[in-house]
């Protein structure tokens, strides 16, 4: 058992929208990701997601409303709910989601990450 330093983990990569595996809890993965700009509208058929903002501000758009998630706050997106993560400035996010979760959910394109790198 080791302590995980989030600042250290986030310092190991510079790219956006490509989650990195930083831990596992039962059948869940803990991932670090940086985001800047809009991701894409998508949903997850069977997986809920937790977005914990470590640095910056995340705007999570939903059809019909938007949640603003600031440093130290999180939002849970239930499965089946279409959402669009948006970062006007760089945001550092910790994700907690089932191992089966693809970052692009029901969409498959150039942003889909099927192999998560462990850092």
C-alpha atoms as a PDB file:
ATOM      1  CA  UNK A   1       0.000   0.000   0.000  1.00  0.00           C
ATOM      2  CA  UNK A   2       1.343   3.351  -1.045  1.00  0.00           C
ATOM      3  CA  UNK A   3       0.135   6.918  -0.906  1.00  0.00           C
ATOM      4  CA  UNK A   4      -0.736   8.440  -4.283  1.00  0.00           C
ATOM      5  CA  UNK A   5       0.303  12.055  -4.825  1.00  0.00           C
ATOM      6  CA  UNK A   6      -2.091  13.587  -7.356  1.00  0.00           C
ATOM      7  CA  UNK A   7       0.182  16.519  -8.267  1.00  0.00           C
ATOM      8  CA  UNK A   8       2.969  14.055  -9.077  1.00  0.00           C
ATOM      9  CA  UNK A   9       0.646  11.934 -11.234  1.00  0.00           C
ATOM     10  CA  UNK A  10      -0.654  14.954 -13.162  1.00  0.00           C
ATOM     11  CA  UNK A  11       2.926  16.158 -13.764  1.00  0.00           C
ATOM     12  CA  UNK A  12       3.692  12.943 -15.698  1.00  0.00           C
ATOM     13  CA  UNK A  13       1.607  13.866 -18.751  1.00  0.00           C
ATOM     14  CA  UNK A  14       0.650  16.960 -20.714  1.00  0.00           C
ATOM     15  CA  UNK A  15      -1.947  15.772 -23.244  1.00  0.00           C
ATOM     16  CA  UNK A  16      -5.680  16.275 -22.957  1.00  0.00           C
ATOM     17  CA  UNK A  17      -8.583  13.830 -23.050  1.00  0.00           C
ATOM     18  CA  UNK A  18      -6.401  10.747 -22.522  1.00  0.00           C
ATOM     19  CA  UNK A  19      -7.053   9.230 -19.073  1.00  0.00           C
ATOM     20  CA  UNK A  20      -4.256   7.505 -17.131  1.00  0.00           C
ATOM     21  CA  UNK A  21      -4.796   4.720 -14.625  1.00  0.00           C
ATOM     22  CA  UNK A  22      -3.610   5.684 -11.141  1.00  0.00           C
ATOM     23  CA  UNK A  23      -5.366   3.075  -8.992  1.00  0.00           C
ATOM     24  CA  UNK A  24      -7.973   0.352  -8.714  1.00  0.00           C
ATOM     25  CA  UNK A  25     -10.707  -0.273  -6.145  1.00  0.00           C
ATOM     26  CA  UNK A  26     -12.532  -3.583  -6.540  1.00  0.00           C
ATOM     27  CA  UNK A  27     -13.969  -3.469 -10.076  1.00  0.00           C
ATOM     28  CA  UNK A  28     -13.431   0.286 -10.386  1.00  0.00           C
ATOM     29  CA  UNK A  29     -10.565   2.252 -11.853  1.00  0.00           C
ATOM     30  CA  UNK A  30      -9.224   5.550 -10.566  1.00  0.00           C
ATOM     31  CA  UNK A  31      -8.029   7.645 -13.489  1.00  0.00           C
ATOM     32  CA  UNK A  32      -6.321  11.012 -13.912  1.00  0.00           C
ATOM     33  CA  UNK A  33      -7.156  13.106 -16.955  1.00  0.00           C
ATOM     34  CA  UNK A  34      -6.506  16.642 -18.123  1.00  0.00           C
ATOM     35  CA  UNK A  35      -9.138  18.421 -20.159  1.00  0.00           C
ATOM     36  CA  UNK A  36      -9.128  21.675 -22.096  1.00  0.00           C
ATOM     37  CA  UNK A  37     -11.914  22.641 -24.446  1.00  0.00           C
ATOM     38  CA  UNK A  38     -14.962  20.523 -25.237  1.00  0.00           C
ATOM     39  CA  UNK A  39     -14.837  16.737 -25.160  1.00  0.00           C
ATOM     40  CA  UNK A  40     -17.883  15.248 -26.949  1.00  0.00           C
ATOM     41  CA  UNK A  41     -21.501  14.470 -26.256  1.00  0.00           C
ATOM     42  CA  UNK A  42     -21.806  10.857 -25.128  1.00  0.00           C
ATOM     43  CA  UNK A  43     -23.363   8.535 -22.574  1.00  0.00           C
ATOM     44  CA  UNK A  44     -22.518   5.215 -20.968  1.00  0.00           C
ATOM     45  CA  UNK A  45     -25.064   2.417 -21.244  1.00  0.00           C
ATOM     46  CA  UNK A  46     -24.255   0.680 -17.954  1.00  0.00           C
ATOM     47  CA  UNK A  47     -21.626   2.710 -16.072  1.00  0.00           C
ATOM     48  CA  UNK A  48     -21.973   5.649 -13.687  1.00  0.00           C
ATOM     49  CA  UNK A  49     -18.999   8.054 -13.546  1.00  0.00           C
ATOM     50  CA  UNK A  50     -17.622  10.273 -10.806  1.00  0.00           C
ATOM     51  CA  UNK A  51     -15.696  13.388 -11.895  1.00  0.00           C
ATOM     52  CA  UNK A  52     -13.630  14.944  -9.060  1.00  0.00           C
ATOM     53  CA  UNK A  53     -12.038  18.277  -9.977  1.00  0.00           C
ATOM     54  CA  UNK A  54      -8.537  18.599  -8.534  1.00  0.00           C
ATOM     55  CA  UNK A  55      -7.543  21.795 -10.363  1.00  0.00           C
ATOM     56  CA  UNK A  56      -9.591  24.284 -12.367  1.00  0.00           C
ATOM     57  CA  UNK A  57     -13.291  24.371 -13.163  1.00  0.00           C
ATOM     58  CA  UNK A  58     -15.270  21.848 -15.172  1.00  0.00           C
ATOM     59  CA  UNK A  59     -18.564  22.619 -16.854  1.00  0.00           C
ATOM     60  CA  UNK A  60     -20.581  19.436 -17.284  1.00  0.00           C
ATOM     61  CA  UNK A  61     -23.280  20.034 -19.834  1.00  0.00           C
ATOM     62  CA  UNK A  62     -26.424  17.938 -19.842  1.00  0.00           C
ATOM     63  CA  UNK A  63     -29.354  18.235 -22.196  1.00  0.00           C
ATOM     64  CA  UNK A  64     -31.330  21.058 -20.620  1.00  0.00           C
ATOM     65  CA  UNK A  65     -28.865  22.223 -17.930  1.00  0.00           C
ATOM     66  CA  UNK A  66     -25.242  22.551 -16.877  1.00  0.00           C
ATOM     67  CA  UNK A  67     -23.338  21.767 -13.658  1.00  0.00           C
ATOM     68  CA  UNK A  68     -20.291  23.847 -12.714  1.00  0.00           C
ATOM     69  CA  UNK A  69     -17.775  21.714 -10.801  1.00  0.00           C
ATOM     70  CA  UNK A  70     -14.999  23.605  -9.020  1.00  0.00           C
ATOM     71  CA  UNK A  71     -11.794  22.476  -7.323  1.00  0.00           C
ATOM     72  CA  UNK A  72     -12.581  20.071  -4.503  1.00  0.00           C
ATOM     73  CA  UNK A  73     -16.042  19.270  -5.872  1.00  0.00           C
ATOM     74  CA  UNK A  74     -17.355  16.315  -7.836  1.00  0.00           C
ATOM     75  CA  UNK A  75     -20.310  15.391  -9.979  1.00  0.00           C
ATOM     76  CA  UNK A  76     -21.711  11.925 -10.573  1.00  0.00           C
ATOM     77  CA  UNK A  77     -23.096  11.231 -14.025  1.00  0.00           C
ATOM     78  CA  UNK A  78     -25.554   8.308 -13.927  1.00  0.00           C
ATOM     79  CA  UNK A  79     -25.453   5.727 -16.699  1.00  0.00           C
ATOM     80  CA  UNK A  80     -27.603   6.554 -19.695  1.00  0.00           C
ATOM     81  CA  UNK A  81     -27.338  10.331 -19.159  1.00  0.00           C
ATOM     82  CA  UNK A  82     -25.900  12.197 -22.126  1.00  0.00           C
ATOM     83  CA  UNK A  83     -23.185  14.634 -21.077  1.00  0.00           C
ATOM     84  CA  UNK A  84     -20.489  16.922 -22.472  1.00  0.00           C
ATOM     85  CA  UNK A  85     -17.454  17.771 -20.320  1.00  0.00           C
ATOM     86  CA  UNK A  86     -16.143  21.288 -21.049  1.00  0.00           C
ATOM     87  CA  UNK A  87     -13.039  23.040 -19.689  1.00  0.00           C
ATOM     88  CA  UNK A  88     -12.583  26.688 -20.635  1.00  0.00           C
ATOM     89  CA  UNK A  89      -9.082  26.472 -19.103  1.00  0.00           C
ATOM     90  CA  UNK A  90      -7.028  23.377 -18.263  1.00  0.00           C
ATOM     91  CA  UNK A  91      -8.753  21.171 -15.676  1.00  0.00           C
ATOM     92  CA  UNK A  92      -7.287  18.222 -13.756  1.00  0.00           C
ATOM     93  CA  UNK A  93      -9.876  15.548 -13.027  1.00  0.00           C
ATOM     94  CA  UNK A  94      -9.868  12.279 -11.110  1.00  0.00           C
ATOM     95  CA  UNK A  95     -12.369   9.789 -12.502  1.00  0.00           C
ATOM     96  CA  UNK A  96     -13.831   6.866 -10.593  1.00  0.00           C
ATOM     97  CA  UNK A  97     -15.596   4.459 -12.899  1.00  0.00           C
ATOM     98  CA  UNK A  98     -16.062   0.744 -13.576  1.00  0.00           C
ATOM     99  CA  UNK A  99     -13.243  -0.997 -15.456  1.00  0.00           C
ATOM    100  CA  UNK A 100     -15.563  -1.506 -18.430  1.00  0.00           C
ATOM    101  CA  UNK A 101     -15.980   2.250 -19.011  1.00  0.00           C
ATOM    102  CA  UNK A 102     -14.721   3.663 -22.313  1.00  0.00           C
ATOM    103  CA  UNK A 103     -13.914   7.374 -22.142  1.00  0.00           C
ATOM    104  CA  UNK A 104     -16.166   8.092 -25.124  1.00  0.00           C
ATOM    105  CA  UNK A 105     -19.037   5.862 -23.968  1.00  0.00           C
ATOM    106  CA  UNK A 106     -21.389   5.060 -26.822  1.00  0.00           C
ATOM    107  CA  UNK A 107     -19.223   6.884 -29.386  1.00  0.00           C
ATOM    108  CA  UNK A 108     -16.194   5.335 -31.073  1.00  0.00           C
ATOM    109  CA  UNK A 109     -13.790   7.771 -32.735  1.00  0.00           C
ATOM    110  CA  UNK A 110     -10.222   9.116 -32.642  1.00  0.00           C
ATOM    111  CA  UNK A 111     -10.674  10.190 -28.991  1.00  0.00           C
ATOM    112  CA  UNK A 112     -11.586   6.698 -27.814  1.00  0.00           C
ATOM    113  CA  UNK A 113      -8.920   5.252 -25.505  1.00  0.00           C
ATOM    114  CA  UNK A 114      -9.240   1.480 -25.299  1.00  0.00           C
ATOM    115  CA  UNK A 115      -5.910   0.823 -23.515  1.00  0.00           C
ATOM    116  CA  UNK A 116      -5.420   2.907 -20.377  1.00  0.00           C
ATOM    117  CA  UNK A 117      -1.783   3.584 -19.528  1.00  0.00           C
ATOM    118  CA  UNK A 118      -0.874   3.090 -15.862  1.00  0.00           C
ATOM    119  CA  UNK A 119       1.312   5.828 -14.411  1.00  0.00           C
END
